[in-house]
Amino acid sequence: MQVRYEMLRRVRTEGQPIAEVAARFGVSRPTFYKAQADFDREGLAGLLPDKRGPRGAHKITAEVLDFIEQTRDAEGGLGTNELLERIAAKFGLTVHRRTVERALQRQPKKKRQ
């Protein structure tokens, strides 16, 4: 973050050319412009690195999750392996057991009456 800020400072306050500063800091011009836009939009927090990796479940869509919940509600003692088989049969998806378990954990628990 500090290195990116120093790079931006040299262009803004010292008036150095963007191409020269980007080369000196070992980044491309598009990377400089991205850092500049992030800083303009969010301030110093915009220069922090983003979290890497997937942002959420991509196989378990809302439709699949509804199917899982309806199937579990209709057949109370249904285990994860049976759910996996039914998901594969209905949607053609091969999903890991742990993916289904995590999706169910993310759902708020239903209130008991």
N, C-alpha and C. Protein backbone atom coordinates (compact mmCIF):
# COMPACT_ATOMS: atom_id res chain seq x y z
N MET A 1 0.82 -1.17 0.00
CA MET A 1 0.00 0.00 0.00
C MET A 1 0.88 1.25 0.00
N GLN A 2 1.91 1.27 0.82
CA GLN A 2 2.77 2.44 0.92
C GLN A 2 3.50 2.71 -0.39
N VAL A 3 3.91 1.64 -1.06
CA VAL A 3 4.62 1.78 -2.33
C VAL A 3 3.69 2.38 -3.38
N ARG A 4 2.45 1.90 -3.43
CA ARG A 4 1.49 2.44 -4.40
C ARG A 4 1.19 3.91 -4.11
N TYR A 5 1.07 4.24 -2.83
CA TYR A 5 0.80 5.64 -2.48
C TYR A 5 1.97 6.53 -2.90
N GLU A 6 3.18 6.06 -2.66
CA GLU A 6 4.36 6.84 -3.05
C GLU A 6 4.41 7.03 -4.56
N MET A 7 4.02 6.00 -5.30
CA MET A 7 3.97 6.09 -6.75
C MET A 7 2.97 7.18 -7.18
N LEU A 8 1.80 7.17 -6.59
CA LEU A 8 0.79 8.18 -6.92
C LEU A 8 1.24 9.59 -6.52
N ARG A 9 1.90 9.69 -5.37
CA ARG A 9 2.35 10.98 -4.87
C ARG A 9 3.36 11.61 -5.82
N ARG A 10 4.26 10.79 -6.35
CA ARG A 10 5.28 11.33 -7.25
C ARG A 10 4.66 11.94 -8.51
N VAL A 11 3.58 11.35 -8.98
CA VAL A 11 2.92 11.89 -10.16
C VAL A 11 2.13 13.14 -9.80
N ARG A 12 1.40 13.10 -8.71
CA ARG A 12 0.50 14.20 -8.35
C ARG A 12 1.24 15.42 -7.82
N THR A 13 2.15 15.22 -6.90
CA THR A 13 2.78 16.39 -6.27
C THR A 13 4.07 16.81 -6.95
N GLU A 14 4.84 15.85 -7.43
CA GLU A 14 6.11 16.18 -8.05
C GLU A 14 5.99 16.37 -9.56
N GLY A 15 4.85 15.97 -10.13
CA GLY A 15 4.60 16.17 -11.55
C GLY A 15 5.43 15.30 -12.47
N GLN A 16 5.92 14.17 -11.98
CA GLN A 16 6.70 13.27 -12.82
C GLN A 16 5.78 12.56 -13.81
N PRO A 17 6.27 12.21 -14.98
CA PRO A 17 5.44 11.51 -15.98
C PRO A 17 5.02 10.12 -15.50
N ILE A 18 3.80 9.76 -15.84
CA ILE A 18 3.24 8.48 -15.41
C ILE A 18 4.07 7.31 -15.92
N ALA A 19 4.43 7.33 -17.19
CA ALA A 19 5.20 6.22 -17.76
C ALA A 19 6.53 6.03 -17.04
N GLU A 20 7.17 7.13 -16.71
CA GLU A 20 8.46 7.07 -16.02
C GLU A 20 8.31 6.52 -14.60
N VAL A 21 7.31 7.00 -13.89
CA VAL A 21 7.08 6.54 -12.51
C VAL A 21 6.68 5.07 -12.50
N ALA A 22 5.79 4.69 -13.41
CA ALA A 22 5.35 3.29 -13.48
C ALA A 22 6.54 2.38 -13.75
N ALA A 23 7.42 2.77 -14.66
CA ALA A 23 8.60 1.96 -14.97
C ALA A 23 9.53 1.88 -13.76
N ARG A 24 9.71 2.98 -13.06
CA ARG A 24 10.59 3.01 -11.90
C ARG A 24 10.06 2.10 -10.78
N PHE A 25 8.74 2.03 -10.65
CA PHE A 25 8.15 1.19 -9.60
C PHE A 25 7.87 -0.23 -10.07
N GLY A 26 8.18 -0.50 -11.32
CA GLY A 26 8.05 -1.87 -11.83
C GLY A 26 6.62 -2.31 -12.09
N VAL A 27 5.75 -1.36 -12.44
CA VAL A 27 4.36 -1.71 -12.77
C VAL A 27 4.03 -1.17 -14.16
N SER A 28 2.99 -1.70 -14.74
CA SER A 28 2.56 -1.22 -16.05
C SER A 28 1.74 0.06 -15.88
N ARG A 29 1.55 0.78 -16.96
CA ARG A 29 0.72 1.98 -16.90
C ARG A 29 -0.73 1.66 -16.53
N PRO A 30 -1.31 0.57 -17.10
CA PRO A 30 -2.68 0.23 -16.65
C PRO A 30 -2.76 -0.04 -15.15
N THR A 31 -1.71 -0.65 -14.59
CA THR A 31 -1.70 -0.90 -13.14
C THR A 31 -1.66 0.43 -12.39
N PHE A 32 -0.89 1.37 -12.89
CA PHE A 32 -0.85 2.70 -12.27
C PHE A 32 -2.24 3.33 -12.30
N TYR A 33 -2.87 3.30 -13.47
CA TYR A 33 -4.19 3.93 -13.60
C TYR A 33 -5.23 3.25 -12.71
N LYS A 34 -5.12 1.96 -12.55
CA LYS A 34 -6.04 1.25 -11.65
C LYS A 34 -5.82 1.71 -10.21
N ALA A 35 -4.56 1.80 -9.80
CA ALA A 35 -4.25 2.26 -8.44
C ALA A 35 -4.77 3.69 -8.25
N GLN A 36 -4.61 4.52 -9.25
CA GLN A 36 -5.08 5.89 -9.18
C GLN A 36 -6.61 5.95 -9.03
N ALA A 37 -7.30 5.15 -9.81
CA ALA A 37 -8.77 5.12 -9.73
C ALA A 37 -9.23 4.58 -8.38
N ASP A 38 -8.57 3.53 -7.90
CA ASP A 38 -8.92 2.96 -6.60
C ASP A 38 -8.71 3.98 -5.49
N PHE A 39 -7.61 4.71 -5.57
CA PHE A 39 -7.32 5.73 -4.56
C PHE A 39 -8.33 6.87 -4.62
N ASP A 40 -8.67 7.30 -5.82
CA ASP A 40 -9.65 8.37 -5.97
C ASP A 40 -11.03 7.96 -5.44
N ARG A 41 -11.36 6.69 -5.63
CA ARG A 41 -12.67 6.19 -5.23
C ARG A 41 -12.74 5.91 -3.73
N GLU A 42 -11.68 5.28 -3.15
CA GLU A 42 -11.76 4.79 -1.78
C GLU A 42 -10.71 5.36 -0.84
N GLY A 43 -9.83 6.20 -1.34
CA GLY A 43 -8.76 6.71 -0.49
C GLY A 43 -7.70 5.64 -0.27
N LEU A 44 -7.01 5.71 0.88
CA LEU A 44 -5.94 4.75 1.16
C LEU A 44 -6.44 3.31 1.18
N ALA A 45 -7.67 3.10 1.63
CA ALA A 45 -8.22 1.75 1.68
C ALA A 45 -8.29 1.12 0.29
N GLY A 46 -8.42 1.94 -0.74
CA GLY A 46 -8.47 1.43 -2.10
C GLY A 46 -7.15 0.85 -2.57
N LEU A 47 -6.06 1.20 -1.89
CA LEU A 47 -4.74 0.68 -2.27
C LEU A 47 -4.43 -0.65 -1.62
N LEU A 48 -5.25 -1.07 -0.66
CA LEU A 48 -5.04 -2.38 -0.04
C LEU A 48 -5.32 -3.47 -1.05
N PRO A 49 -4.56 -4.57 -0.99
CA PRO A 49 -4.81 -5.66 -1.94
C PRO A 49 -6.18 -6.30 -1.71
N ASP A 50 -6.81 -6.70 -2.80
CA ASP A 50 -8.11 -7.37 -2.72
C ASP A 50 -7.93 -8.81 -2.27
N LYS A 51 -8.97 -9.34 -1.65
CA LYS A 51 -8.98 -10.74 -1.27
C LYS A 51 -8.97 -11.58 -2.54
N ARG A 52 -8.13 -12.58 -2.58
CA ARG A 52 -8.01 -13.42 -3.76
C ARG A 52 -8.95 -14.61 -3.66
N GLY A 53 -9.18 -15.24 -4.79
CA GLY A 53 -9.96 -16.46 -4.82
C GLY A 53 -11.43 -16.22 -5.09
N PRO A 54 -12.20 -17.30 -5.09
CA PRO A 54 -13.64 -17.19 -5.36
C PRO A 54 -14.34 -16.33 -4.32
N ARG A 55 -15.36 -15.62 -4.77
CA ARG A 55 -16.09 -14.73 -3.86
C ARG A 55 -17.28 -15.42 -3.20
N GLY A 56 -17.58 -16.61 -3.62
CA GLY A 56 -18.70 -17.32 -3.03
C GLY A 56 -18.96 -18.61 -3.78
N ALA A 57 -19.99 -19.30 -3.36
CA ALA A 57 -20.34 -20.56 -4.00
C ALA A 57 -20.78 -20.29 -5.43
N HIS A 58 -20.25 -21.03 -6.38
CA HIS A 58 -20.65 -20.81 -7.77
C HIS A 58 -21.41 -21.99 -8.35
N LYS A 59 -21.36 -23.14 -7.71
CA LYS A 59 -22.14 -24.28 -8.20
C LYS A 59 -23.50 -24.34 -7.52
N ILE A 60 -23.54 -23.97 -6.26
CA ILE A 60 -24.79 -24.03 -5.51
C ILE A 60 -25.53 -22.71 -5.73
N THR A 61 -26.34 -22.68 -6.77
CA THR A 61 -27.13 -21.49 -7.06
C THR A 61 -28.35 -21.47 -6.13
N ALA A 62 -29.10 -20.40 -6.19
CA ALA A 62 -30.31 -20.29 -5.36
C ALA A 62 -31.29 -21.41 -5.69
N GLU A 63 -31.38 -21.76 -6.97
CA GLU A 63 -32.28 -22.84 -7.39
C GLU A 63 -31.86 -24.18 -6.79
N VAL A 64 -30.57 -24.47 -6.82
CA VAL A 64 -30.06 -25.72 -6.26
C VAL A 64 -30.26 -25.73 -4.75
N LEU A 65 -30.00 -24.60 -4.09
CA LEU A 65 -30.16 -24.52 -2.64
C LEU A 65 -31.63 -24.71 -2.25
N ASP A 66 -32.55 -24.13 -3.00
CA ASP A 66 -33.98 -24.34 -2.73
C ASP A 66 -34.34 -25.81 -2.86
N PHE A 67 -33.80 -26.46 -3.90
CA PHE A 67 -34.05 -27.88 -4.10
C PHE A 67 -33.53 -28.69 -2.92
N ILE A 68 -32.34 -28.37 -2.44
CA ILE A 68 -31.75 -29.09 -1.30
C ILE A 68 -32.63 -28.93 -0.07
N GLU A 69 -33.06 -27.70 0.21
CA GLU A 69 -33.87 -27.46 1.40
C GLU A 69 -35.23 -28.15 1.30
N GLN A 70 -35.86 -28.08 0.13
CA GLN A 70 -37.15 -28.74 -0.06
C GLN A 70 -37.02 -30.25 0.08
N THR A 71 -35.96 -30.80 -0.48
CA THR A 71 -35.75 -32.24 -0.41
C THR A 71 -35.49 -32.67 1.03
N ARG A 72 -34.70 -31.91 1.76
CA ARG A 72 -34.41 -32.26 3.15
C ARG A 72 -35.66 -32.12 4.02
N ASP A 73 -36.49 -31.09 3.74
CA ASP A 73 -37.70 -30.91 4.51
C ASP A 73 -38.70 -32.03 4.23
N ALA A 74 -38.80 -32.45 2.97
CA ALA A 74 -39.75 -33.49 2.60
C ALA A 74 -39.32 -34.85 3.13
N GLU A 75 -38.02 -35.10 3.12
CA GLU A 75 -37.51 -36.40 3.58
C GLU A 75 -36.49 -36.14 4.68
N GLY A 76 -36.96 -36.02 5.89
CA GLY A 76 -36.17 -35.60 7.04
C GLY A 76 -34.82 -36.27 7.25
N GLY A 77 -34.72 -37.57 7.11
CA GLY A 77 -33.49 -38.28 7.43
C GLY A 77 -32.53 -38.43 6.26
N LEU A 78 -32.67 -37.60 5.25
CA LEU A 78 -31.85 -37.71 4.05
C LEU A 78 -30.43 -37.24 4.34
N GLY A 79 -29.45 -38.09 4.02
CA GLY A 79 -28.05 -37.75 4.26
C GLY A 79 -27.45 -36.98 3.08
N THR A 80 -26.23 -36.54 3.29
CA THR A 80 -25.55 -35.74 2.27
C THR A 80 -25.31 -36.52 1.00
N ASN A 81 -24.94 -37.78 1.11
CA ASN A 81 -24.67 -38.59 -0.09
C ASN A 81 -25.93 -38.74 -0.95
N GLU A 82 -27.07 -38.93 -0.30
CA GLU A 82 -28.32 -39.03 -1.06
C GLU A 82 -28.65 -37.69 -1.73
N LEU A 83 -28.40 -36.60 -1.03
CA LEU A 83 -28.60 -35.28 -1.62
C LEU A 83 -27.73 -35.08 -2.86
N LEU A 84 -26.47 -35.52 -2.76
CA LEU A 84 -25.55 -35.39 -3.90
C LEU A 84 -26.07 -36.15 -5.12
N GLU A 85 -26.61 -37.34 -4.88
CA GLU A 85 -27.15 -38.14 -5.98
C GLU A 85 -28.36 -37.44 -6.61
N ARG A 86 -29.21 -36.87 -5.79
CA ARG A 86 -30.41 -36.19 -6.31
C ARG A 86 -30.04 -34.90 -7.05
N ILE A 87 -29.04 -34.19 -6.56
CA ILE A 87 -28.57 -32.98 -7.26
C ILE A 87 -28.02 -33.35 -8.63
N ALA A 88 -27.24 -34.43 -8.67
CA ALA A 88 -26.66 -34.87 -9.94
C ALA A 88 -27.75 -35.30 -10.91
N ALA A 89 -28.77 -35.97 -10.39
CA ALA A 89 -29.85 -36.44 -11.27
C ALA A 89 -30.69 -35.27 -11.80
N LYS A 90 -30.99 -34.32 -10.94
CA LYS A 90 -31.87 -33.22 -11.35
C LYS A 90 -31.16 -32.14 -12.16
N PHE A 91 -29.95 -31.74 -11.72
CA PHE A 91 -29.27 -30.60 -12.34
C PHE A 91 -28.05 -30.98 -13.18
N GLY A 92 -27.63 -32.24 -13.09
CA GLY A 92 -26.43 -32.66 -13.83
C GLY A 92 -25.15 -32.09 -13.24
N LEU A 93 -25.17 -31.74 -11.97
CA LEU A 93 -24.00 -31.16 -11.29
C LEU A 93 -23.28 -32.20 -10.46
N THR A 94 -21.97 -32.16 -10.52
CA THR A 94 -21.16 -32.96 -9.63
C THR A 94 -20.64 -32.01 -8.56
N VAL A 95 -21.15 -32.16 -7.35
CA VAL A 95 -20.83 -31.25 -6.25
C VAL A 95 -20.19 -32.06 -5.14
N HIS A 96 -19.18 -31.49 -4.51
CA HIS A 96 -18.53 -32.17 -3.39
C HIS A 96 -19.44 -32.12 -2.16
N ARG A 97 -19.32 -33.13 -1.35
CA ARG A 97 -20.12 -33.24 -0.13
C ARG A 97 -19.95 -32.01 0.75
N ARG A 98 -18.73 -31.54 0.88
CA ARG A 98 -18.44 -30.40 1.74
C ARG A 98 -19.07 -29.10 1.21
N THR A 99 -19.21 -28.99 -0.11
CA THR A 99 -19.85 -27.82 -0.71
C THR A 99 -21.30 -27.71 -0.26
N VAL A 100 -21.98 -28.83 -0.26
CA VAL A 100 -23.38 -28.86 0.18
C VAL A 100 -23.47 -28.52 1.67
N GLU A 101 -22.57 -29.10 2.46
CA GLU A 101 -22.59 -28.84 3.91
C GLU A 101 -22.35 -27.36 4.20
N ARG A 102 -21.41 -26.74 3.50
CA ARG A 102 -21.14 -25.31 3.71
C ARG A 102 -22.32 -24.45 3.29
N ALA A 103 -22.95 -24.80 2.18
CA ALA A 103 -24.11 -24.04 1.72
C ALA A 103 -25.23 -24.10 2.75
N LEU A 104 -25.42 -25.25 3.35
CA LEU A 104 -26.47 -25.38 4.37
C LEU A 104 -26.10 -24.62 5.64
N GLN A 105 -24.82 -24.56 5.96
CA GLN A 105 -24.40 -23.82 7.15
C GLN A 105 -24.59 -22.32 6.98
N ARG A 106 -24.47 -21.83 5.75
CA ARG A 106 -24.63 -20.41 5.51
C ARG A 106 -26.08 -19.96 5.64
N GLN A 107 -27.01 -20.87 5.48
CA GLN A 107 -28.43 -20.55 5.55
C GLN A 107 -28.82 -20.29 7.01
N PRO A 108 -29.66 -19.28 7.25
CA PRO A 108 -30.12 -19.05 8.62
C PRO A 108 -31.02 -20.22 9.08
N LYS A 109 -30.89 -20.55 10.35
CA LYS A 109 -31.69 -21.65 10.88
C LYS A 109 -33.15 -21.24 10.98
N LYS A 110 -34.02 -22.17 10.68
CA LYS A 110 -35.46 -21.88 10.73
C LYS A 110 -35.91 -21.83 12.19
N LYS A 111 -36.84 -20.93 12.47
CA LYS A 111 -37.35 -20.82 13.84
C LYS A 111 -38.25 -22.02 14.13
N ARG A 112 -38.07 -22.55 15.30
CA ARG A 112 -38.90 -23.70 15.70
C ARG A 112 -40.16 -23.20 16.35
N GLN A 113 -41.25 -23.85 16.03
CA GLN A 113 -42.54 -23.43 16.57
C GLN A 113 -42.94 -24.30 17.74
